[in-house]
Amino acid sequence: MTGRPPRGRRRPVSSLAVAIGLGLLLEAGILPAPSAAAAGSNGTVPVSAEAVVLIDLESGKVLFEKNPEEDRAPASLVKLMTLYLAYDDLRAGRVTRGDPVTISVNTMRTPRFRMGLMAGQVVPFETLLAGVAIASANDAATAVAEHLAENEERFVERMNAEGERLKLAHTVFANPHGLPDPRQRTTARDMATLAEQLLRDFPESRVLLGDTDFKWRGRVFQRRIPLFRDPGGVTALKTGFTLEAGYNIAVAAGRAGQRLLCVVLGAETRGMSFIDAGRLLRFGFGEPPTSPTRERRWRRSTPQ
């Protein structure tokens, strides 16, 4: 006997085969992905990063999280606090956008990535803010810190005091730019709180964090990030990388009256950080996944 079922009767389809078939249809975008509202925080998103958080900014509800309290290195997401204090001082009138900032030797010696600031140069304060937000330039962050607090040490004290006020319970700042320091630690949840407070308290910060380029002394600083195109609706974005931290990203996006914020910490590659953030945002918006072909292109994304 061959074990073939009698003529006219069909062999039952296994649940595993059904699951595989549905998964292929979802990946191809033929079937819609389940909405975050329907799935709630127990829904699943295939992310590879070490820690992630996805928040609905309107309701404050956490739509998805993975290791949200895991101790991580923040890398350049530290610059969100640098921007927070800068906008706070701008609003209080302690500085102006047009303030001339004289670049110090200490700023010039800040390791890369840099704008290439040279000691003795005079740079408008607003140009330095663009360097922090768009170019993620470490020397620009040092210059901002020195202008606001005379030196990095005093600025770091302000950063940590503000972190306590914002209830960043698991975050310690050690510098204004995010270069490696064993004392500098955070979690995905704390970074989500910081990003949310920055956008809520200083909505004007979206202008810089949502921009893709600026020009200074004839040089164009540009960031080519696919998330600005897909998913659409990205209003603010900050990336970060060190060997210890991996690839980090914080993204805010809005569509059809819904506003989301996601933080990704510890992705293995820059492209994978974009893929993880894109998957989270599409999940939150209740949209089909990004096509595998497009994700393959994202994996080949190049720095800055």
C-alpha atoms as a PDB file:
ATOM      1  CA  MET A   1       0.000   0.000   0.000  1.00  0.00           C
ATOM      2  CA  THR A   2       1.201   3.471  -0.825  1.00  0.00           C
ATOM      3  CA  GLY A   3      -0.677   5.293   1.934  1.00  0.00           C
ATOM      4  CA  ARG A   4      -2.508   7.408  -0.658  1.00  0.00           C
ATOM      5  CA  PRO A   5      -5.934   8.538   0.627  1.00  0.00           C
ATOM      6  CA  PRO A   6      -8.977   7.001  -1.073  1.00  0.00           C
ATOM      7  CA  ARG A   7     -10.121   8.763  -4.258  1.00  0.00           C
ATOM      8  CA  GLY A   8     -12.465  11.639  -3.532  1.00  0.00           C
ATOM      9  CA  ARG A   9     -10.989  12.357  -0.103  1.00  0.00           C
ATOM     10  CA  ARG A  10      -8.373  15.087   0.542  1.00  0.00           C
ATOM     11  CA  ARG A  11      -5.548  14.811   2.994  1.00  0.00           C
ATOM     12  CA  PRO A  12      -6.077  17.439   5.759  1.00  0.00           C
ATOM     13  CA  VAL A  13      -3.728  20.430   5.583  1.00  0.00           C
ATOM     14  CA  SER A  14      -1.504  20.739   8.654  1.00  0.00           C
ATOM     15  CA  SER A  15      -1.651  23.830  10.825  1.00  0.00           C
ATOM     16  CA  LEU A  16       2.095  24.298  10.199  1.00  0.00           C
ATOM     17  CA  ALA A  17       1.530  24.478   6.454  1.00  0.00           C
ATOM     18  CA  VAL A  18      -1.242  27.031   6.955  1.00  0.00           C
ATOM     19  CA  ALA A  19       0.978  29.152   9.184  1.00  0.00           C
ATOM     20  CA  ILE A  20       3.825  29.046   6.664  1.00  0.00           C
ATOM     21  CA  GLY A  21       1.470  29.983   3.847  1.00  0.00           C
ATOM     22  CA  LEU A  22       0.003  32.898   5.766  1.00  0.00           C
ATOM     23  CA  GLY A  23       3.475  34.081   6.709  1.00  0.00           C
ATOM     24  CA  LEU A  24       4.557  34.107   3.058  1.00  0.00           C
ATOM     25  CA  LEU A  25       1.443  36.052   2.073  1.00  0.00           C
ATOM     26  CA  LEU A  26       2.070  38.591   4.838  1.00  0.00           C
ATOM     27  CA  GLU A  27       5.706  38.995   3.856  1.00  0.00           C
ATOM     28  CA  ALA A  28       4.731  39.571   0.235  1.00  0.00           C
ATOM     29  CA  GLY A  29       2.206  42.183   1.293  1.00  0.00           C
ATOM     30  CA  ILE A  30      -0.742  40.221  -0.179  1.00  0.00           C
ATOM     31  CA  LEU A  31      -2.444  39.981   3.189  1.00  0.00           C
ATOM     32  CA  PRO A  32      -2.586  43.011   5.518  1.00  0.00           C
ATOM     33  CA  ALA A  33      -0.627  42.881   8.742  1.00  0.00           C
ATOM     34  CA  PRO A  34      -2.615  42.829  11.978  1.00  0.00           C
ATOM     35  CA  SER A  35      -3.043  46.311  13.414  1.00  0.00           C
ATOM     36  CA  ALA A  36      -1.274  47.295  16.597  1.00  0.00           C
ATOM     37  CA  ALA A  37      -4.588  48.374  18.045  1.00  0.00           C
ATOM     38  CA  ALA A  38      -5.954  44.883  17.563  1.00  0.00           C
ATOM     39  CA  ALA A  39      -2.803  43.103  18.684  1.00  0.00           C
ATOM     40  CA  GLY A  40      -1.981  45.394  21.595  1.00  0.00           C
ATOM     41  CA  SER A  41       1.342  45.132  23.401  1.00  0.00           C
ATOM     42  CA  ASN A  42       1.206  41.343  23.023  1.00  0.00           C
ATOM     43  CA  GLY A  43       1.468  41.564  19.221  1.00  0.00           C
ATOM     44  CA  THR A  44       4.683  40.367  17.630  1.00  0.00           C
ATOM     45  CA  VAL A  45       7.069  42.249  15.366  1.00  0.00           C
ATOM     46  CA  PRO A  46      10.093  40.440  13.886  1.00  0.00           C
ATOM     47  CA  VAL A  47      12.841  42.773  15.092  1.00  0.00           C
ATOM     48  CA  SER A  48      16.471  41.736  15.447  1.00  0.00           C
ATOM     49  CA  ALA A  49      17.711  44.595  17.663  1.00  0.00           C
ATOM     50  CA  GLU A  50      18.539  43.936  21.300  1.00  0.00           C
ATOM     51  CA  ALA A  51      15.940  46.343  22.745  1.00  0.00           C
ATOM     52  CA  VAL A  52      13.001  48.254  21.253  1.00  0.00           C
ATOM     53  CA  VAL A  53       9.988  50.290  22.338  1.00  0.00           C
ATOM     54  CA  LEU A  54       7.013  51.464  20.254  1.00  0.00           C
ATOM     55  CA  ILE A  55       4.658  54.069  21.751  1.00  0.00           C
ATOM     56  CA  ASP A  56       1.433  55.708  20.615  1.00  0.00           C
ATOM     57  CA  LEU A  57       2.119  59.354  21.410  1.00  0.00           C
ATOM     58  CA  GLU A  58      -1.555  60.308  21.599  1.00  0.00           C
ATOM     59  CA  SER A  59      -2.580  57.740  24.188  1.00  0.00           C
ATOM     60  CA  GLY A  60       0.809  57.032  25.740  1.00  0.00           C
ATOM     61  CA  LYS A  61       0.159  53.315  25.242  1.00  0.00           C
ATOM     62  CA  VAL A  62       3.092  50.999  24.662  1.00  0.00           C
ATOM     63  CA  LEU A  63       2.233  49.064  21.515  1.00  0.00           C
ATOM     64  CA  PHE A  64       5.277  46.813  21.470  1.00  0.00           C
ATOM     65  CA  GLU A  65       8.451  46.356  23.475  1.00  0.00           C
ATOM     66  CA  LYS A  66      11.417  44.027  23.678  1.00  0.00           C
ATOM     67  CA  ASN A  67      13.874  44.193  26.567  1.00  0.00           C
ATOM     68  CA  PRO A  68      12.799  47.778  27.333  1.00  0.00           C
ATOM     69  CA  GLU A  69      14.809  47.905  30.596  1.00  0.00           C
ATOM     70  CA  GLU A  70      17.967  46.253  29.301  1.00  0.00           C
ATOM     71  CA  ASP A  71      21.123  48.213  30.146  1.00  0.00           C
ATOM     72  CA  ARG A  72      22.556  49.634  26.912  1.00  0.00           C
ATOM     73  CA  ALA A  73      25.039  52.199  25.614  1.00  0.00           C
ATOM     74  CA  PRO A  74      23.091  55.107  24.070  1.00  0.00           C
ATOM     75  CA  ALA A  75      25.699  56.283  21.518  1.00  0.00           C
ATOM     76  CA  SER A  76      24.557  59.461  19.738  1.00  0.00           C
ATOM     77  CA  LEU A  77      21.029  59.284  21.133  1.00  0.00           C
ATOM     78  CA  VAL A  78      22.719  61.191  23.987  1.00  0.00           C
ATOM     79  CA  LYS A  79      22.466  64.191  21.659  1.00  0.00           C
ATOM     80  CA  LEU A  80      18.702  64.255  22.273  1.00  0.00           C
ATOM     81  CA  MET A  81      19.466  65.533  25.774  1.00  0.00           C
ATOM     82  CA  THR A  82      22.017  68.006  24.382  1.00  0.00           C
ATOM     83  CA  LEU A  83      19.266  69.347  22.120  1.00  0.00           C
ATOM     84  CA  TYR A  84      16.763  69.376  24.983  1.00  0.00           C
ATOM     85  CA  LEU A  85      18.974  71.666  27.068  1.00  0.00           C
ATOM     86  CA  ALA A  86      19.782  73.845  24.071  1.00  0.00           C
ATOM     87  CA  TYR A  87      16.101  74.428  23.302  1.00  0.00           C
ATOM     88  CA  ASP A  88      15.420  75.041  26.971  1.00  0.00           C
ATOM     89  CA  ASP A  89      18.050  77.791  27.018  1.00  0.00           C
ATOM     90  CA  LEU A  90      16.736  79.259  23.766  1.00  0.00           C
ATOM     91  CA  ARG A  91      13.227  79.488  25.177  1.00  0.00           C
ATOM     92  CA  ALA A  92      14.498  81.054  28.405  1.00  0.00           C
ATOM     93  CA  GLY A  93      16.461  83.656  26.455  1.00  0.00           C
ATOM     94  CA  ARG A  94      19.814  82.568  27.848  1.00  0.00           C
ATOM     95  CA  VAL A  95      21.075  82.117  24.274  1.00  0.00           C
ATOM     96  CA  THR A  96      19.876  83.046  20.794  1.00  0.00           C
ATOM     97  CA  ARG A  97      20.075  81.196  17.506  1.00  0.00           C
ATOM     98  CA  GLY A  98      22.428  83.808  16.162  1.00  0.00           C
ATOM     99  CA  ASP A  99      24.883  83.657  19.066  1.00  0.00           C
ATOM    100  CA  PRO A 100      28.476  83.563  17.760  1.00  0.00           C
ATOM    101  CA  VAL A 101      30.268  80.550  19.255  1.00  0.00           C
ATOM    102  CA  THR A 102      34.075  80.560  19.268  1.00  0.00           C
ATOM    103  CA  ILE A 103      35.407  77.046  18.771  1.00  0.00           C
ATOM    104  CA  SER A 104      37.832  75.838  21.435  1.00  0.00           C
ATOM    105  CA  VAL A 105      40.826  73.538  21.137  1.00  0.00           C
ATOM    106  CA  ASN A 106      38.889  70.952  23.160  1.00  0.00           C
ATOM    107  CA  THR A 107      36.026  71.068  20.646  1.00  0.00           C
ATOM    108  CA  MET A 108      38.433  70.765  17.713  1.00  0.00           C
ATOM    109  CA  ARG A 109      39.943  67.626  19.253  1.00  0.00           C
ATOM    110  CA  THR A 110      36.608  65.833  19.734  1.00  0.00           C
ATOM    111  CA  PRO A 111      36.816  62.479  17.882  1.00  0.00           C
ATOM    112  CA  ARG A 112      34.789  61.789  14.779  1.00  0.00           C
ATOM    113  CA  PHE A 113      32.179  61.927  13.400  1.00  0.00           C
ATOM    114  CA  ARG A 114      32.860  65.680  13.105  1.00  0.00           C
ATOM    115  CA  MET A 115      31.902  68.801  11.199  1.00  0.00           C
ATOM    116  CA  GLY A 116      35.595  69.651  11.038  1.00  0.00           C
ATOM    117  CA  LEU A 117      35.399  72.633  13.383  1.00  0.00           C
ATOM    118  CA  MET A 118      38.729  74.399  13.919  1.00  0.00           C
ATOM    119  CA  ALA A 119      39.899  76.252  17.029  1.00  0.00           C
ATOM    120  CA  GLY A 120      39.260  79.973  16.736  1.00  0.00           C
ATOM    121  CA  GLN A 121      36.439  79.670  14.210  1.00  0.00           C
ATOM    122  CA  VAL A 122      33.246  81.540  15.022  1.00  0.00           C
ATOM    123  CA  VAL A 123      30.110  79.540  14.214  1.00  0.00           C
ATOM    124  CA  PRO A 124      26.462  80.583  14.687  1.00  0.00           C
ATOM    125  CA  PHE A 125      24.745  78.638  17.464  1.00  0.00           C
ATOM    126  CA  GLU A 126      21.961  77.506  15.118  1.00  0.00           C
ATOM    127  CA  THR A 127      24.538  75.977  12.759  1.00  0.00           C
ATOM    128  CA  LEU A 128      25.902  73.936  15.642  1.00  0.00           C
ATOM    129  CA  LEU A 129      22.393  72.717  16.448  1.00  0.00           C
ATOM    130  CA  ALA A 130      22.036  71.552  12.850  1.00  0.00           C
ATOM    131  CA  GLY A 131      25.367  69.782  13.213  1.00  0.00           C
ATOM    132  CA  VAL A 132      24.106  67.977  16.313  1.00  0.00           C
ATOM    133  CA  ALA A 133      20.683  67.019  14.958  1.00  0.00           C
ATOM    134  CA  ILE A 134      21.361  66.317  11.275  1.00  0.00           C
ATOM    135  CA  ALA A 135      25.070  65.507  10.941  1.00  0.00           C
ATOM    136  CA  SER A 136      25.312  63.953  14.424  1.00  0.00           C
ATOM    137  CA  ALA A 137      28.640  65.758  14.679  1.00  0.00           C
ATOM    138  CA  ASN A 138      30.447  65.176  17.950  1.00  0.00           C
ATOM    139  CA  ASP A 139      32.453  68.387  17.753  1.00  0.00           C
ATOM    140  CA  ALA A 140      29.230  70.376  17.301  1.00  0.00           C
ATOM    141  CA  ALA A 141      27.803  68.759  20.458  1.00  0.00           C
ATOM    142  CA  THR A 142      30.937  69.688  22.402  1.00  0.00           C
ATOM    143  CA  ALA A 143      30.709  73.275  21.152  1.00  0.00           C
ATOM    144  CA  VAL A 144      27.060  73.510  22.219  1.00  0.00           C
ATOM    145  CA  ALA A 145      27.924  72.140  25.663  1.00  0.00           C
ATOM    146  CA  GLU A 146      30.751  74.615  26.164  1.00  0.00           C
ATOM    147  CA  HIS A 147      28.620  77.532  25.015  1.00  0.00           C
ATOM    148  CA  LEU A 148      25.773  76.671  27.366  1.00  0.00           C
ATOM    149  CA  ALA A 149      27.778  75.659  30.447  1.00  0.00           C
ATOM    150  CA  GLU A 150      31.364  76.885  29.915  1.00  0.00           C
ATOM    151  CA  ASN A 151      32.739  73.338  29.850  1.00  0.00           C
ATOM    152  CA  GLU A 152      31.664  69.747  29.238  1.00  0.00           C
ATOM    153  CA  GLU A 153      31.776  68.758  32.896  1.00  0.00           C
ATOM    154  CA  ARG A 154      29.245  71.369  33.970  1.00  0.00           C
ATOM    155  CA  PHE A 155      27.056  70.551  31.000  1.00  0.00           C
ATOM    156  CA  VAL A 156      27.053  66.856  31.908  1.00  0.00           C
ATOM    157  CA  GLU A 157      25.923  67.816  35.412  1.00  0.00           C
ATOM    158  CA  ARG A 158      22.990  69.647  33.819  1.00  0.00           C
ATOM    159  CA  MET A 159      22.247  66.637  31.633  1.00  0.00           C
ATOM    160  CA  ASN A 160      22.020  64.299  34.595  1.00  0.00           C
ATOM    161  CA  ALA A 161      19.979  66.759  36.653  1.00  0.00           C
ATOM    162  CA  GLU A 162      17.515  67.079  33.775  1.00  0.00           C
ATOM    163  CA  GLY A 163      17.493  63.312  33.381  1.00  0.00           C
ATOM    164  CA  GLU A 164      16.424  62.982  37.008  1.00  0.00           C
ATOM    165  CA  ARG A 165      13.671  65.551  36.489  1.00  0.00           C
ATOM    166  CA  LEU A 166      12.411  63.657  33.444  1.00  0.00           C
ATOM    167  CA  LYS A 167      12.515  60.410  35.464  1.00  0.00           C
ATOM    168  CA  LEU A 168      15.117  58.692  33.279  1.00  0.00           C
ATOM    169  CA  ALA A 169      15.698  56.250  36.103  1.00  0.00           C
ATOM    170  CA  HIS A 170      18.214  54.015  34.300  1.00  0.00           C
ATOM    171  CA  THR A 171      20.182  56.658  32.396  1.00  0.00           C
ATOM    172  CA  VAL A 172      23.539  58.204  33.240  1.00  0.00           C
ATOM    173  CA  PHE A 173      25.125  60.788  30.945  1.00  0.00           C
ATOM    174  CA  ALA A 174      28.910  61.167  30.760  1.00  0.00           C
ATOM    175  CA  ASN A 175      29.360  63.466  27.746  1.00  0.00           C
ATOM    176  CA  PRO A 176      27.237  65.573  25.364  1.00  0.00           C
ATOM    177  CA  HIS A 177      27.889  63.567  22.191  1.00  0.00           C
ATOM    178  CA  GLY A 178      27.630  59.853  22.995  1.00  0.00           C
ATOM    179  CA  LEU A 179      31.183  58.701  22.373  1.00  0.00           C
ATOM    180  CA  PRO A 180      32.017  55.567  24.415  1.00  0.00           C
ATOM    181  CA  ASP A 181      32.286  55.970  28.174  1.00  0.00           C
ATOM    182  CA  PRO A 182      31.700  53.072  30.597  1.00  0.00           C
ATOM    183  CA  ARG A 183      29.611  55.330  32.837  1.00  0.00           C
ATOM    184  CA  GLN A 184      27.164  56.288  30.075  1.00  0.00           C
ATOM    185  CA  ARG A 185      24.180  53.926  30.147  1.00  0.00           C
ATOM    186  CA  THR A 186      20.494  53.932  29.276  1.00  0.00           C
ATOM    187  CA  THR A 187      17.519  51.779  28.296  1.00  0.00           C
ATOM    188  CA  ALA A 188      15.143  51.781  25.344  1.00  0.00           C
ATOM    189  CA  ARG A 189      12.334  52.950  27.617  1.00  0.00           C
ATOM    190  CA  ASP A 190      14.360  55.885  28.956  1.00  0.00           C
ATOM    191  CA  MET A 191      15.377  56.962  25.452  1.00  0.00           C
ATOM    192  CA  ALA A 192      11.752  56.808  24.361  1.00  0.00           C
ATOM    193  CA  THR A 193      10.809  59.007  27.317  1.00  0.00           C
ATOM    194  CA  LEU A 194      13.559  61.500  26.458  1.00  0.00           C
ATOM    195  CA  ALA A 195      12.605  61.658  22.779  1.00  0.00           C
ATOM    196  CA  GLU A 196       8.929  62.054  23.656  1.00  0.00           C
ATOM    197  CA  GLN A 197       9.649  64.890  26.092  1.00  0.00           C
ATOM    198  CA  LEU A 198      11.900  66.684  23.619  1.00  0.00           C
ATOM    199  CA  LEU A 199       9.224  66.629  20.916  1.00  0.00           C
ATOM    200  CA  ARG A 200       6.444  67.499  23.343  1.00  0.00           C
ATOM    201  CA  ASP A 201       8.214  70.300  25.235  1.00  0.00           C
ATOM    202  CA  PHE A 202       9.991  71.775  22.215  1.00  0.00           C
ATOM    203  CA  PRO A 203       7.996  70.954  19.069  1.00  0.00           C
ATOM    204  CA  GLU A 204      10.329  73.226  17.102  1.00  0.00           C
ATOM    205  CA  SER A 205      12.971  70.510  17.483  1.00  0.00           C
ATOM    206  CA  ARG A 206      11.070  68.511  14.868  1.00  0.00           C
ATOM    207  CA  VAL A 207      12.266  70.958  12.213  1.00  0.00           C
ATOM    208  CA  LEU A 208      15.897  69.936  12.652  1.00  0.00           C
ATOM    209  CA  LEU A 209      15.317  66.298  13.556  1.00  0.00           C
ATOM    210  CA  GLY A 210      13.063  65.979  10.517  1.00  0.00           C
ATOM    211  CA  ASP A 211      15.504  67.615   8.109  1.00  0.00           C
ATOM    212  CA  THR A 212      17.937  65.747   5.895  1.00  0.00           C
ATOM    213  CA  ASP A 213      20.671  68.270   5.073  1.00  0.00           C
ATOM    214  CA  PHE A 214      22.280  71.622   5.812  1.00  0.00           C
ATOM    215  CA  LYS A 215      25.165  73.597   4.356  1.00  0.00           C
ATOM    216  CA  TRP A 216      28.117  75.148   6.156  1.00  0.00           C
ATOM    217  CA  ARG A 217      31.199  76.788   4.631  1.00  0.00           C
ATOM    218  CA  GLY A 218      30.359  75.370   1.218  1.00  0.00           C
ATOM    219  CA  ARG A 219      29.988  71.799   2.450  1.00  0.00           C
ATOM    220  CA  VAL A 220      26.664  69.990   2.355  1.00  0.00           C
ATOM    221  CA  PHE A 221      26.005  67.667   5.293  1.00  0.00           C
ATOM    222  CA  GLN A 222      23.381  65.170   4.214  1.00  0.00           C
ATOM    223  CA  ARG A 223      21.855  62.044   5.679  1.00  0.00           C
ATOM    224  CA  ARG A 224      20.379  59.467   3.339  1.00  0.00           C
ATOM    225  CA  ILE A 225      17.952  57.484   5.419  1.00  0.00           C
ATOM    226  CA  PRO A 226      15.222  55.391   3.743  1.00  0.00           C
ATOM    227  CA  LEU A 227      12.813  55.876   6.646  1.00  0.00           C
ATOM    228  CA  PHE A 228      12.256  59.460   5.477  1.00  0.00           C
ATOM    229  CA  ARG A 229      10.608  57.932   2.403  1.00  0.00           C
ATOM    230  CA  ASP A 230       9.141  54.657   3.625  1.00  0.00           C
ATOM    231  CA  PRO A 231       7.268  54.504   5.923  1.00  0.00           C
ATOM    232  CA  GLY A 232       6.101  58.003   5.076  1.00  0.00           C
ATOM    233  CA  GLY A 233       5.194  60.481   7.734  1.00  0.00           C
ATOM    234  CA  VAL A 234       8.526  60.503   9.598  1.00  0.00           C
ATOM    235  CA  THR A 235       8.724  63.824  11.430  1.00  0.00           C
ATOM    236  CA  ALA A 236      11.864  63.373  13.553  1.00  0.00           C
ATOM    237  CA  LEU A 237      14.767  60.976  13.531  1.00  0.00           C
ATOM    238  CA  LYS A 238      18.084  60.537  15.349  1.00  0.00           C
ATOM    239  CA  THR A 239      20.627  57.785  14.808  1.00  0.00           C
ATOM    240  CA  GLY A 240      23.618  56.623  16.811  1.00  0.00           C
ATOM    241  CA  PHE A 241      26.428  54.091  16.603  1.00  0.00           C
ATOM    242  CA  THR A 242      29.413  52.839  18.552  1.00  0.00           C
ATOM    243  CA  LEU A 243      31.012  49.419  18.505  1.00  0.00           C
ATOM    244  CA  GLU A 244      29.646  48.708  21.977  1.00  0.00           C
ATOM    245  CA  ALA A 245      26.151  50.119  21.398  1.00  0.00           C
ATOM    246  CA  GLY A 246      25.552  48.779  17.915  1.00  0.00           C
ATOM    247  CA  TYR A 247      23.190  50.796  15.753  1.00  0.00           C
ATOM    248  CA  ASN A 248      20.569  52.854  17.593  1.00  0.00           C
ATOM    249  CA  ILE A 249      17.720  54.947  16.253  1.00  0.00           C
ATOM    250  CA  ALA A 250      14.808  57.002  17.579  1.00  0.00           C
ATOM    251  CA  VAL A 251      12.002  57.827  15.149  1.00  0.00           C
ATOM    252  CA  ALA A 252       8.748  59.767  15.422  1.00  0.00           C
ATOM    253  CA  ALA A 253       6.162  59.478  12.658  1.00  0.00           C
ATOM    254  CA  GLY A 254       2.570  60.537  12.072  1.00  0.00           C
ATOM    255  CA  ARG A 255      -0.088  59.415   9.661  1.00  0.00           C
ATOM    256  CA  ALA A 256      -3.863  59.886   9.462  1.00  0.00           C
ATOM    257  CA  GLY A 257      -4.048  61.521  12.878  1.00  0.00           C
ATOM    258  CA  GLN A 258      -1.951  58.851  14.580  1.00  0.00           C
ATOM    259  CA  ARG A 259       1.496  59.685  16.020  1.00  0.00           C
ATOM    260  CA  LEU A 260       4.046  57.031  16.913  1.00  0.00           C
ATOM    261  CA  LEU A 261       7.497  56.955  18.468  1.00  0.00           C
ATOM    262  CA  CYS A 262       9.886  54.025  18.328  1.00  0.00           C
ATOM    263  CA  VAL A 263      13.361  53.462  19.735  1.00  0.00           C
ATOM    264  CA  VAL A 264      15.682  50.711  18.502  1.00  0.00           C
ATOM    265  CA  LEU A 265      18.870  49.891  20.419  1.00  0.00           C
ATOM    266  CA  GLY A 266      21.580  47.427  19.470  1.00  0.00           C
ATOM    267  CA  ALA A 267      20.837  46.557  15.846  1.00  0.00           C
ATOM    268  CA  GLU A 268      23.696  44.675  14.177  1.00  0.00           C
ATOM    269  CA  THR A 269      23.898  46.941  11.113  1.00  0.00           C
ATOM    270  CA  ARG A 270      22.713  50.383  10.109  1.00  0.00           C
ATOM    271  CA  GLY A 271      20.392  48.853   7.544  1.00  0.00           C
ATOM    272  CA  MET A 272      18.868  46.503  10.104  1.00  0.00           C
ATOM    273  CA  SER A 273      18.139  49.433  12.433  1.00  0.00           C
ATOM    274  CA  PHE A 274      16.111  51.010   9.613  1.00  0.00           C
ATOM    275  CA  ILE A 275      14.359  47.724   8.899  1.00  0.00           C
ATOM    276  CA  ASP A 276      13.450  47.203  12.559  1.00  0.00           C
ATOM    277  CA  ALA A 277      12.154  50.777  12.897  1.00  0.00           C
ATOM    278  CA  GLY A 278      10.191  50.460   9.666  1.00  0.00           C
ATOM    279  CA  ARG A 279       8.601  47.208  10.822  1.00  0.00           C
ATOM    280  CA  LEU A 280       7.641  48.772  14.144  1.00  0.00           C
ATOM    281  CA  LEU A 281       6.080  51.836  12.531  1.00  0.00           C
ATOM    282  CA  ARG A 282       4.131  49.803   9.991  1.00  0.00           C
ATOM    283  CA  PHE A 283       2.919  47.562  12.780  1.00  0.00           C
ATOM    284  CA  GLY A 284       1.810  50.585  14.772  1.00  0.00           C
ATOM    285  CA  PHE A 285       0.013  52.082  11.786  1.00  0.00           C
ATOM    286  CA  GLY A 286      -1.631  48.737  11.023  1.00  0.00           C
ATOM    287  CA  GLU A 287      -0.052  48.550   7.562  1.00  0.00           C
ATOM    288  CA  PRO A 288       1.427  45.658   5.556  1.00  0.00           C
ATOM    289  CA  PRO A 289       5.119  44.936   6.072  1.00  0.00           C
ATOM    290  CA  THR A 290       7.754  46.526   3.862  1.00  0.00           C
ATOM    291  CA  SER A 291       8.483  44.325   0.864  1.00  0.00           C
ATOM    292  CA  PRO A 292      11.485  41.968   1.178  1.00  0.00           C
ATOM    293  CA  THR A 293      13.024  43.582  -1.915  1.00  0.00           C
ATOM    294  CA  ARG A 294      12.953  47.029  -0.318  1.00  0.00           C
ATOM    295  CA  GLU A 295      14.324  45.693   2.959  1.00  0.00           C
ATOM    296  CA  ARG A 296      17.239  44.139   1.070  1.00  0.00           C
ATOM    297  CA  ARG A 297      18.046  47.593  -0.297  1.00  0.00           C
ATOM    298  CA  TRP A 298      17.873  49.037   3.231  1.00  0.00           C
ATOM    299  CA  ARG A 299      20.416  46.449   4.410  1.00  0.00           C
ATOM    300  CA  ARG A 300      22.898  47.948   1.956  1.00  0.00           C
ATOM    301  CA  SER A 301      22.428  51.491   3.308  1.00  0.00           C
ATOM    302  CA  THR A 302      25.660  53.409   3.679  1.00  0.00           C
ATOM    303  CA  PRO A 303      26.627  55.675   6.615  1.00  0.00           C
ATOM    304  CA  GLN A 304      25.351  59.272   6.758  1.00  0.00           C
END
